[in-house]
PDB file of N, CA and C in Angstrom:
ATOM      1  N   MET A   1     -68.768  -9.645  43.208  1.00  0.00           N
ATOM      2  CA  MET A   1     -67.776  -8.453  43.298  1.00  0.00           C
ATOM      3  C   MET A   1     -68.024  -7.240  42.307  1.00  0.00           C
ATOM      4  N   SER A   2     -67.773  -6.290  42.653  1.00  0.00           N
ATOM      5  CA  SER A   2     -68.429  -5.288  42.431  1.00  0.00           C
ATOM      6  C   SER A   2     -67.283  -3.825  41.085  1.00  0.00           C
ATOM      7  N   ILE A   3     -67.892  -4.204  40.368  1.00  0.00           N
ATOM      8  CA  ILE A   3     -67.289  -3.366  39.408  1.00  0.00           C
ATOM      9  C   ILE A   3     -67.462  -1.659  39.040  1.00  0.00           C
ATOM     10  N   ASP A   4     -66.492  -0.795  39.553  1.00  0.00           N
ATOM     11  CA  ASP A   4     -66.903   0.586  39.581  1.00  0.00           C
ATOM     12  C   ASP A   4     -66.544   1.425  38.195  1.00  0.00           C
ATOM     13  N   GLN A   5     -66.970   2.430  37.574  1.00  0.00           N
ATOM     14  CA  GLN A   5     -67.038   3.601  36.961  1.00  0.00           C
ATOM     15  C   GLN A   5     -65.599   3.464  36.191  1.00  0.00           C
ATOM     16  N   ALA A   6     -64.261   3.622  36.860  1.00  0.00           N
ATOM     17  CA  ALA A   6     -63.320   4.012  36.655  1.00  0.00           C
ATOM     18  C   ALA A   6     -62.690   2.654  36.263  1.00  0.00           C
ATOM     19  N   THR A   7     -62.884   1.391  36.537  1.00  0.00           N
ATOM     20  CA  THR A   7     -62.900   0.292  35.809  1.00  0.00           C
ATOM     21  C   THR A   7     -63.190   0.269  34.376  1.00  0.00           C
ATOM     22  N   VAL A   8     -64.496   0.628  34.271  1.00  0.00           N
ATOM     23  CA  VAL A   8     -65.151   0.414  32.884  1.00  0.00           C
ATOM     24  C   VAL A   8     -64.870   1.441  32.362  1.00  0.00           C
ATOM     25  N   ALA A   9     -64.199   2.303  32.827  1.00  0.00           N
ATOM     26  CA  ALA A   9     -63.591   3.202  31.737  1.00  0.00           C
ATOM     27  C   ALA A   9     -62.265   2.961  31.582  1.00  0.00           C
ATOM     28  N   ARG A  10     -61.636   2.114  32.208  1.00  0.00           N
ATOM     29  CA  ARG A  10     -60.262   1.742  32.089  1.00  0.00           C
ATOM     30  C   ARG A  10     -60.916   0.591  30.524  1.00  0.00           C
ATOM     31  N   ILE A  11     -61.587  -0.473  31.456  1.00  0.00           N
ATOM     32  CA  ILE A  11     -61.905  -1.403  30.187  1.00  0.00           C
ATOM     33  C   ILE A  11     -62.141  -0.427  28.579  1.00  0.00           C
ATOM     34  N   ALA A  12     -63.372  -0.054  28.989  1.00  0.00           N
ATOM     35  CA  ALA A  12     -63.537   1.057  27.440  1.00  0.00           C
ATOM     36  C   ALA A  12     -62.368   1.475  26.938  1.00  0.00           C
ATOM     37  N   ALA A  13     -61.225   2.021  27.525  1.00  0.00           N
ATOM     38  CA  ALA A  13     -60.055   2.791  26.951  1.00  0.00           C
ATOM     39  C   ALA A  13     -59.527   1.417  25.897  1.00  0.00           C
ATOM     40  N   LEU A  14     -59.272   0.612  26.707  1.00  0.00           N
ATOM     41  CA  LEU A  14     -58.427  -0.359  26.131  1.00  0.00           C
ATOM     42  C   LEU A  14     -59.609  -0.850  24.808  1.00  0.00           C
ATOM     43  N   ALA A  15     -60.959  -1.106  25.080  1.00  0.00           N
ATOM     44  CA  ALA A  15     -61.209  -1.677  24.025  1.00  0.00           C
ATOM     45  C   ALA A  15     -61.639  -0.847  23.127  1.00  0.00           C
ATOM     46  N   ARG A  16     -61.327   0.721  23.157  1.00  0.00           N
ATOM     47  CA  ARG A  16     -61.430   1.975  21.858  1.00  0.00           C
ATOM     48  C   ARG A  16     -62.949   1.781  21.795  1.00  0.00           C
ATOM     49  N   ILE A  17     -63.731   1.798  23.065  1.00  0.00           N
ATOM     50  CA  ILE A  17     -65.224   2.295  23.288  1.00  0.00           C
ATOM     51  C   ILE A  17     -65.875   2.967  23.751  1.00  0.00           C
ATOM     52  N   ARG A  18     -66.254   4.295  23.085  1.00  0.00           N
ATOM     53  CA  ARG A  18     -66.858   4.804  23.494  1.00  0.00           C
ATOM     54  C   ARG A  18     -68.111   5.303  24.504  1.00  0.00           C
ATOM     55  N   LEU A  19     -68.328   5.122  25.613  1.00  0.00           N
ATOM     56  CA  LEU A  19     -69.313   5.002  26.416  1.00  0.00           C
ATOM     57  C   LEU A  19     -69.718   6.180  27.203  1.00  0.00           C
ATOM     58  N   THR A  20     -70.593   6.484  26.899  1.00  0.00           N
ATOM     59  CA  THR A  20     -71.292   8.167  28.231  1.00  0.00           C
ATOM     60  C   THR A  20     -71.441   7.707  29.280  1.00  0.00           C
ATOM     61  N   ASP A  21     -71.429   8.689  30.412  1.00  0.00           N
ATOM     62  CA  ASP A  21     -71.355   8.127  31.854  1.00  0.00           C
ATOM     63  C   ASP A  21     -72.579   7.391  31.947  1.00  0.00           C
ATOM     64  N   ALA A  22     -73.806   7.238  31.238  1.00  0.00           N
ATOM     65  CA  ALA A  22     -74.948   6.420  31.602  1.00  0.00           C
ATOM     66  C   ALA A  22     -75.000   4.881  31.333  1.00  0.00           C
ATOM     67  N   GLN A  23     -74.249   4.938  30.035  1.00  0.00           N
ATOM     68  CA  GLN A  23     -73.387   3.805  29.570  1.00  0.00           C
ATOM     69  C   GLN A  23     -72.568   3.522  30.470  1.00  0.00           C
ATOM     70  N   ARG A  24     -71.361   3.711  30.853  1.00  0.00           N
ATOM     71  CA  ARG A  24     -70.483   3.381  31.754  1.00  0.00           C
ATOM     72  C   ARG A  24     -71.389   2.945  33.265  1.00  0.00           C
ATOM     73  N   GLU A  25     -71.936   3.418  33.636  1.00  0.00           N
ATOM     74  CA  GLU A  25     -73.222   3.364  34.854  1.00  0.00           C
ATOM     75  C   GLU A  25     -73.880   1.582  34.708  1.00  0.00           C
ATOM     76  N   ALA A  26     -74.410   1.510  34.103  1.00  0.00           N
ATOM     77  CA  ALA A  26     -74.566   0.504  33.228  1.00  0.00           C
ATOM     78  C   ALA A  26     -74.363  -0.797  32.987  1.00  0.00           C
ATOM     79  N   ALA A  27     -72.912  -0.519  32.217  1.00  0.00           N
ATOM     80  CA  ALA A  27     -72.056  -1.484  31.940  1.00  0.00           C
ATOM     81  C   ALA A  27     -71.354  -1.858  32.880  1.00  0.00           C
ATOM     82  N   ALA A  28     -71.322  -1.030  34.437  1.00  0.00           N
ATOM     83  CA  ALA A  28     -70.434  -1.763  35.814  1.00  0.00           C
ATOM     84  C   ALA A  28     -71.660  -2.130  36.218  1.00  0.00           C
ATOM     85  N   VAL A  29     -72.553  -2.249  36.058  1.00  0.00           N
ATOM     86  CA  VAL A  29     -73.668  -3.268  36.810  1.00  0.00           C
ATOM     87  C   VAL A  29     -74.219  -4.355  35.994  1.00  0.00           C
ATOM     88  N   GLU A  30     -73.739  -4.538  34.514  1.00  0.00           N
ATOM     89  CA  GLU A  30     -74.170  -5.412  33.794  1.00  0.00           C
ATOM     90  C   GLU A  30     -72.586  -6.795  34.127  1.00  0.00           C
ATOM     91  N   LEU A  31     -71.729  -5.749  33.816  1.00  0.00           N
ATOM     92  CA  LEU A  31     -70.069  -6.376  34.707  1.00  0.00           C
ATOM     93  C   LEU A  31     -70.248  -7.123  36.141  1.00  0.00           C
ATOM     94  N   SER A  32     -70.830  -6.208  36.378  1.00  0.00           N
ATOM     95  CA  SER A  32     -70.839  -7.025  38.012  1.00  0.00           C
ATOM     96  C   SER A  32     -71.963  -7.859  38.126  1.00  0.00           C
ATOM     97  N   ARG A  33     -72.503  -7.891  37.735  1.00  0.00           N
ATOM     98  CA  ARG A  33     -73.462  -9.290  37.166  1.00  0.00           C
ATOM     99  C   ARG A  33     -72.880 -10.762  37.053  1.00  0.00           C
ATOM    100  N   ILE A  34     -72.185 -10.221  35.643  1.00  0.00           N
ATOM    101  CA  ILE A  34     -71.413 -11.273  35.278  1.00  0.00           C
ATOM    102  C   ILE A  34     -70.510 -12.135  35.813  1.00  0.00           C
ATOM    103  N   LEU A  35     -69.484 -11.159  36.724  1.00  0.00           N
ATOM    104  CA  LEU A  35     -68.537 -11.510  37.640  1.00  0.00           C
ATOM    105  C   LEU A  35     -69.238 -12.408  38.858  1.00  0.00           C
ATOM    106  N   ASP A  36     -70.429 -11.729  39.308  1.00  0.00           N
ATOM    107  CA  ASP A  36     -71.357 -12.736  40.808  1.00  0.00           C
ATOM    108  C   ASP A  36     -71.728 -13.744  39.926  1.00  0.00           C
ATOM    109  N   TRP A  37     -71.881 -14.217  39.078  1.00  0.00           N
ATOM    110  CA  TRP A  37     -72.370 -15.343  37.980  1.00  0.00           C
ATOM    111  C   TRP A  37     -71.497 -16.453  38.072  1.00  0.00           C
ATOM    112  N   VAL A  38     -70.079 -15.956  37.586  1.00  0.00           N
ATOM    113  CA  VAL A  38     -68.924 -16.759  37.586  1.00  0.00           C
ATOM    114  C   VAL A  38     -68.277 -17.129  38.778  1.00  0.00           C
ATOM    115  N   ALA A  39     -68.557 -16.274  40.141  1.00  0.00           N
ATOM    116  CA  ALA A  39     -67.906 -17.043  40.772  1.00  0.00           C
ATOM    117  C   ALA A  39     -69.301 -17.966  41.643  1.00  0.00           C
ATOM    118  N   GLN A  40     -70.814 -18.017  41.724  1.00  0.00           N
ATOM    119  CA  GLN A  40     -71.252 -18.988  41.610  1.00  0.00           C
ATOM    120  C   GLN A  40     -71.241 -20.200  41.114  1.00  0.00           C
ATOM    121  N   LEU A  41     -70.294 -20.044  39.900  1.00  0.00           N
ATOM    122  CA  LEU A  41     -69.911 -21.027  39.060  1.00  0.00           C
ATOM    123  C   LEU A  41     -68.460 -21.985  39.847  1.00  0.00           C
ATOM    124  N   ASP A  42     -68.077 -21.109  40.488  1.00  0.00           N
ATOM    125  CA  ASP A  42     -66.561 -21.529  41.373  1.00  0.00           C
ATOM    126  C   ASP A  42     -67.036 -21.990  42.562  1.00  0.00           C
ATOM    127  N   GLU A  43     -68.569 -22.282  43.157  1.00  0.00           N
ATOM    128  CA  GLU A  43     -68.924 -22.833  44.111  1.00  0.00           C
ATOM    129  C   GLU A  43     -69.478 -24.353  43.820  1.00  0.00           C
ATOM    130  N   VAL A  44     -69.519 -24.527  42.466  1.00  0.00           N
ATOM    131  CA  VAL A  44     -69.845 -25.889  42.531  1.00  0.00           C
ATOM    132  C   VAL A  44     -68.669 -26.877  42.389  1.00  0.00           C
ATOM    133  N   ASP A  45     -69.427 -27.997  42.897  1.00  0.00           N
ATOM    134  CA  ASP A  45     -68.062 -29.225  43.308  1.00  0.00           C
ATOM    135  C   ASP A  45     -67.882 -29.657  41.856  1.00  0.00           C
ATOM    136  N   THR A  46     -66.668 -29.964  40.807  1.00  0.00           N
ATOM    137  CA  THR A  46     -66.618 -30.773  39.954  1.00  0.00           C
ATOM    138  C   THR A  46     -65.524 -31.651  39.689  1.00  0.00           C
ATOM    139  N   SER A  47     -65.395 -31.639  41.253  1.00  0.00           N
ATOM    140  CA  SER A  47     -64.151 -32.665  41.610  1.00  0.00           C
ATOM    141  C   SER A  47     -64.289 -33.991  41.304  1.00  0.00           C
ATOM    142  N   ALA A  48     -65.888 -34.858  40.696  1.00  0.00           N
ATOM    143  CA  ALA A  48     -65.977 -36.600  40.600  1.00  0.00           C
ATOM    144  C   ALA A  48     -66.308 -36.139  38.845  1.00  0.00           C
ATOM    145  N   VAL A  49     -66.351 -34.704  37.939  1.00  0.00           N
ATOM    146  CA  VAL A  49     -66.366 -34.912  36.725  1.00  0.00           C
ATOM    147  C   VAL A  49     -64.987 -35.241  36.027  1.00  0.00           C
ATOM    148  N   GLU A  50     -65.317 -36.202  35.067  1.00  0.00           N
ATOM    149  CA  GLU A  50     -64.401 -36.166  33.918  1.00  0.00           C
ATOM    150  C   GLU A  50     -64.424 -35.340  33.061  1.00  0.00           C
ATOM    151  N   PRO A  51     -63.058 -35.091  32.513  1.00  0.00           N
ATOM    152  CA  PRO A  51     -63.118 -33.158  31.424  1.00  0.00           C
ATOM    153  C   PRO A  51     -63.574 -34.431  30.073  1.00  0.00           C
ATOM    154  N   LEU A  52     -64.296 -33.254  29.339  1.00  0.00           N
ATOM    155  CA  LEU A  52     -64.865 -33.492  28.097  1.00  0.00           C
ATOM    156  C   LEU A  52     -63.712 -33.848  27.023  1.00  0.00           C
ATOM    157  N   ARG A  53     -63.915 -34.238  26.255  1.00  0.00           N
ATOM    158  CA  ARG A  53     -62.724 -33.647  24.952  1.00  0.00           C
ATOM    159  C   ARG A  53     -64.000 -33.527  23.721  1.00  0.00           C
ATOM    160  N   SER A  54     -65.023 -34.233  24.014  1.00  0.00           N
ATOM    161  CA  SER A  54     -66.319 -33.801  23.222  1.00  0.00           C
ATOM    162  C   SER A  54     -67.666 -34.429  23.620  1.00  0.00           C
ATOM    163  N   VAL A  55     -68.422 -33.886  23.373  1.00  0.00           N
ATOM    164  CA  VAL A  55     -69.780 -33.773  23.549  1.00  0.00           C
ATOM    165  C   VAL A  55     -70.615 -34.927  23.407  1.00  0.00           C
ATOM    166  N   MET A  56     -70.115 -35.534  22.276  1.00  0.00           N
ATOM    167  CA  MET A  56     -70.512 -36.684  21.580  1.00  0.00           C
ATOM    168  C   MET A  56     -69.230 -37.962  21.746  1.00  0.00           C
ATOM    169  N   PRO A  57     -70.064 -39.588  21.853  1.00  0.00           N
ATOM    170  CA  PRO A  57     -69.011 -40.103  22.156  1.00  0.00           C
ATOM    171  C   PRO A  57     -68.114 -40.992  20.586  1.00  0.00           C
ATOM    172  N   ILE A  58     -67.924 -39.333  20.064  1.00  0.00           N
ATOM    173  CA  ILE A  58     -67.549 -40.543  18.908  1.00  0.00           C
ATOM    174  C   ILE A  58     -65.973 -40.643  18.783  1.00  0.00           C
ATOM    175  N   SER A  59     -65.354 -41.571  18.318  1.00  0.00           N
ATOM    176  CA  SER A  59     -63.939 -41.877  18.420  1.00  0.00           C
ATOM    177  C   SER A  59     -63.461 -41.097  17.103  1.00  0.00           C
ATOM    178  N   PRO A  60     -62.013 -40.416  16.692  1.00  0.00           N
ATOM    179  CA  PRO A  60     -61.835 -40.185  15.438  1.00  0.00           C
ATOM    180  C   PRO A  60     -61.306 -41.007  14.581  1.00  0.00           C
ATOM    181  N   THR A  61     -61.247 -40.928  13.396  1.00  0.00           N
ATOM    182  CA  THR A  61     -61.070 -41.524  12.130  1.00  0.00           C
ATOM    183  C   THR A  61     -59.691 -40.882  12.054  1.00  0.00           C
ATOM    184  N   LEU A  62     -58.616 -41.981  12.004  1.00  0.00           N
ATOM    185  CA  LEU A  62     -57.170 -41.972  11.897  1.00  0.00           C
ATOM    186  C   LEU A  62     -56.436 -42.619  10.884  1.00  0.00           C
ATOM    187  N   ARG A  63     -55.847 -41.751  10.052  1.00  0.00           N
ATOM    188  CA  ARG A  63     -55.223 -42.389   8.732  1.00  0.00           C
ATOM    189  C   ARG A  63     -53.854 -42.475   9.245  1.00  0.00           C
ATOM    190  N   GLU A  64     -53.119 -42.857   7.848  1.00  0.00           N
ATOM    191  CA  GLU A  64     -51.874 -43.270   8.684  1.00  0.00           C
ATOM    192  C   GLU A  64     -51.138 -42.234   7.565  1.00  0.00           C
ATOM    193  N   ASP A  65     -50.219 -41.609   8.709  1.00  0.00           N
ATOM    194  CA  ASP A  65     -48.981 -40.214   7.934  1.00  0.00           C
ATOM    195  C   ASP A  65     -48.499 -40.843   7.031  1.00  0.00           C
ATOM    196  N   ILE A  66     -48.685 -40.545   6.008  1.00  0.00           N
ATOM    197  CA  ILE A  66     -47.551 -41.064   5.063  1.00  0.00           C
ATOM    198  C   ILE A  66     -47.362 -39.782   3.981  1.00  0.00           C
ATOM    199  N   VAL A  67     -46.470 -39.774   3.076  1.00  0.00           N
ATOM    200  CA  VAL A  67     -46.281 -38.598   2.538  1.00  0.00           C
ATOM    201  C   VAL A  67     -46.297 -38.925   0.615  1.00  0.00           C
ATOM    202  N   SER A  68     -46.966 -38.377   0.280  1.00  0.00           N
ATOM    203  CA  SER A  68     -47.163 -38.633  -0.867  1.00  0.00           C
ATOM    204  C   SER A  68     -47.581 -37.394  -1.600  1.00  0.00           C
ATOM    205  N   ASP A  69     -47.417 -37.515  -3.130  1.00  0.00           N
ATOM    206  CA  ASP A  69     -48.098 -36.287  -3.860  1.00  0.00           C
ATOM    207  C   ASP A  69     -49.338 -35.491  -4.223  1.00  0.00           C
ATOM    208  N   GLY A  70     -50.156 -37.129  -3.583  1.00  0.00           N
ATOM    209  CA  GLY A  70     -51.190 -36.839  -3.950  1.00  0.00           C
ATOM    210  C   GLY A  70     -52.511 -37.884  -5.243  1.00  0.00           C
ATOM    211  N   GLY A  71     -51.214 -38.315  -5.861  1.00  0.00           N
ATOM    212  CA  GLY A  71     -51.502 -39.385  -6.634  1.00  0.00           C
ATOM    213  C   GLY A  71     -51.832 -38.052  -8.203  1.00  0.00           C
ATOM    214  N   ARG A  72     -52.151 -36.732  -7.994  1.00  0.00           N
ATOM    215  CA  ARG A  72     -52.595 -36.487  -9.000  1.00  0.00           C
ATOM    216  C   ARG A  72     -51.625 -35.061  -9.733  1.00  0.00           C
ATOM    217  N   PRO A  73     -50.687 -35.492  -9.939  1.00  0.00           N
ATOM    218  CA  PRO A  73     -49.417 -34.046 -10.403  1.00  0.00           C
ATOM    219  C   PRO A  73     -49.882 -32.999 -11.367  1.00  0.00           C
ATOM    220  N   GLU A  74     -50.340 -33.476 -12.221  1.00  0.00           N
ATOM    221  CA  GLU A  74     -50.885 -33.039 -12.712  1.00  0.00           C
ATOM    222  C   GLU A  74     -51.857 -31.857 -12.568  1.00  0.00           C
ATOM    223  N   ASP A  75     -53.181 -32.177 -12.266  1.00  0.00           N
ATOM    224  CA  ASP A  75     -54.172 -31.320 -11.290  1.00  0.00           C
ATOM    225  C   ASP A  75     -53.836 -30.220 -10.779  1.00  0.00           C
ATOM    226  N   VAL A  76     -52.127 -31.140  -9.751  1.00  0.00           N
ATOM    227  CA  VAL A  76     -52.091 -30.271  -8.821  1.00  0.00           C
ATOM    228  C   VAL A  76     -51.038 -29.058  -9.482  1.00  0.00           C
ATOM    229  N   LEU A  77     -50.411 -29.105 -10.677  1.00  0.00           N
ATOM    230  CA  LEU A  77     -49.722 -28.490 -11.533  1.00  0.00           C
ATOM    231  C   LEU A  77     -50.044 -27.403 -12.404  1.00  0.00           C
ATOM    232  N   ARG A  78     -51.734 -27.681 -12.581  1.00  0.00           N
ATOM    233  CA  ARG A  78     -52.301 -27.305 -13.608  1.00  0.00           C
ATOM    234  C   ARG A  78     -52.256 -25.810 -13.830  1.00  0.00           C
ATOM    235  N   ASN A  79     -52.245 -25.083 -12.432  1.00  0.00           N
ATOM    236  CA  ASN A  79     -52.160 -23.750 -12.330  1.00  0.00           C
ATOM    237  C   ASN A  79     -51.071 -22.675 -12.558  1.00  0.00           C
ATOM    238  N   ALA A  80     -49.829 -23.847 -11.992  1.00  0.00           N
ATOM    239  CA  ALA A  80     -48.547 -23.344 -12.007  1.00  0.00           C
ATOM    240  C   ALA A  80     -47.970 -21.941 -12.652  1.00  0.00           C
ATOM    241  N   PRO A  81     -47.411 -21.126 -12.515  1.00  0.00           N
ATOM    242  CA  PRO A  81     -46.757 -20.216 -13.224  1.00  0.00           C
ATOM    243  C   PRO A  81     -46.046 -20.657 -14.305  1.00  0.00           C
ATOM    244  N   GLN A  82     -44.946 -21.380 -13.131  1.00  0.00           N
ATOM    245  CA  GLN A  82     -43.732 -22.051 -14.178  1.00  0.00           C
ATOM    246  C   GLN A  82     -43.623 -23.409 -13.394  1.00  0.00           C
ATOM    247  N   ARG A  83     -43.250 -24.368 -14.455  1.00  0.00           N
ATOM    248  CA  ARG A  83     -42.931 -25.973 -13.692  1.00  0.00           C
ATOM    249  C   ARG A  83     -41.759 -26.647 -14.597  1.00  0.00           C
ATOM    250  N   SER A  84     -41.196 -27.164 -13.984  1.00  0.00           N
ATOM    251  CA  SER A  84     -40.430 -27.898 -14.488  1.00  0.00           C
ATOM    252  C   SER A  84     -40.510 -29.863 -14.032  1.00  0.00           C
ATOM    253  N   GLY A  85     -41.000 -30.273 -14.918  1.00  0.00           N
ATOM    254  CA  GLY A  85     -41.155 -32.129 -14.860  1.00  0.00           C
ATOM    255  C   GLY A  85     -42.431 -31.375 -13.504  1.00  0.00           C
ATOM    256  N   ASP A  86     -42.065 -31.998 -12.820  1.00  0.00           N
ATOM    257  CA  ASP A  86     -43.269 -32.564 -11.489  1.00  0.00           C
ATOM    258  C   ASP A  86     -43.129 -31.610 -10.719  1.00  0.00           C
ATOM    259  N   TYR A  87     -42.421 -30.230 -10.584  1.00  0.00           N
ATOM    260  CA  TYR A  87     -42.094 -29.160  -9.638  1.00  0.00           C
ATOM    261  C   TYR A  87     -42.656 -28.179  -9.998  1.00  0.00           C
ATOM    262  N   PHE A  88     -42.669 -27.185  -9.253  1.00  0.00           N
ATOM    263  CA  PHE A  88     -43.020 -25.672  -9.493  1.00  0.00           C
ATOM    264  C   PHE A  88     -41.523 -25.389  -9.344  1.00  0.00           C
ATOM    265  N   VAL A  89     -41.606 -24.482 -10.188  1.00  0.00           N
ATOM    266  CA  VAL A  89     -40.676 -23.425 -10.329  1.00  0.00           C
ATOM    267  C   VAL A  89     -40.703 -22.105  -9.862  1.00  0.00           C
ATOM    268  N   VAL A  90     -39.856 -21.795  -8.667  1.00  0.00           N
ATOM    269  CA  VAL A  90     -40.450 -20.123  -8.090  1.00  0.00           C
ATOM    270  C   VAL A  90     -39.060 -19.645  -7.858  1.00  0.00           C
ATOM    271  N   PRO A  91     -39.119 -18.300  -8.268  1.00  0.00           N
ATOM    272  CA  PRO A  91     -38.015 -17.519  -8.184  1.00  0.00           C
ATOM    273  C   PRO A  91     -36.614 -17.846  -6.544  1.00  0.00           C
ATOM    274  N   LYS A  92     -35.432 -17.443  -7.437  1.00  0.00           N
ATOM    275  CA  LYS A  92     -34.543 -17.469  -6.436  1.00  0.00           C
ATOM    276  C   LYS A  92     -34.599 -16.303  -5.527  1.00  0.00           C
ATOM    277  N   VAL A  93     -34.541 -16.608  -3.738  1.00  0.00           N
ATOM    278  CA  VAL A  93     -34.735 -15.689  -2.855  1.00  0.00           C
ATOM    279  C   VAL A  93     -33.678 -15.179  -1.974  1.00  0.00           C
ATOM    280  N   VAL A  94     -32.781 -16.293  -1.753  1.00  0.00           N
ATOM    281  CA  VAL A  94     -31.496 -16.371  -1.657  1.00  0.00           C
ATOM    282  C   VAL A  94     -30.171 -16.631  -2.655  1.00  0.00           C
ATOM    283  N   GLU A  95     -29.297 -15.374  -2.381  1.00  0.00           N
ATOM    284  CA  GLU A  95     -28.134 -15.505  -2.942  1.00  0.00           C
ATOM    285  C   GLU A  95     -26.744 -16.262  -2.806  1.00  0.00           C
TER     286      GLU A  95
END
């Protein structure tokens, strides 16, 4: 696939990048090479390849989803500007 300088100018404008004519020409060549390489990847048959979730065979360690206060309310509320018992006091925002 070939990228022309007008397309590079449009991409540069969208990315808010200033390019000289020489830089625009070099970018057109480079982007064309990248798109050619991506086109080569499309030719690879991956129908027998299973999708990967992870490159390492590590099973995730899961914990039970239990709602708790963490067991340390004093530590949690230590830096609270205002508190009432084991709760944060916040300003009223809805009247």
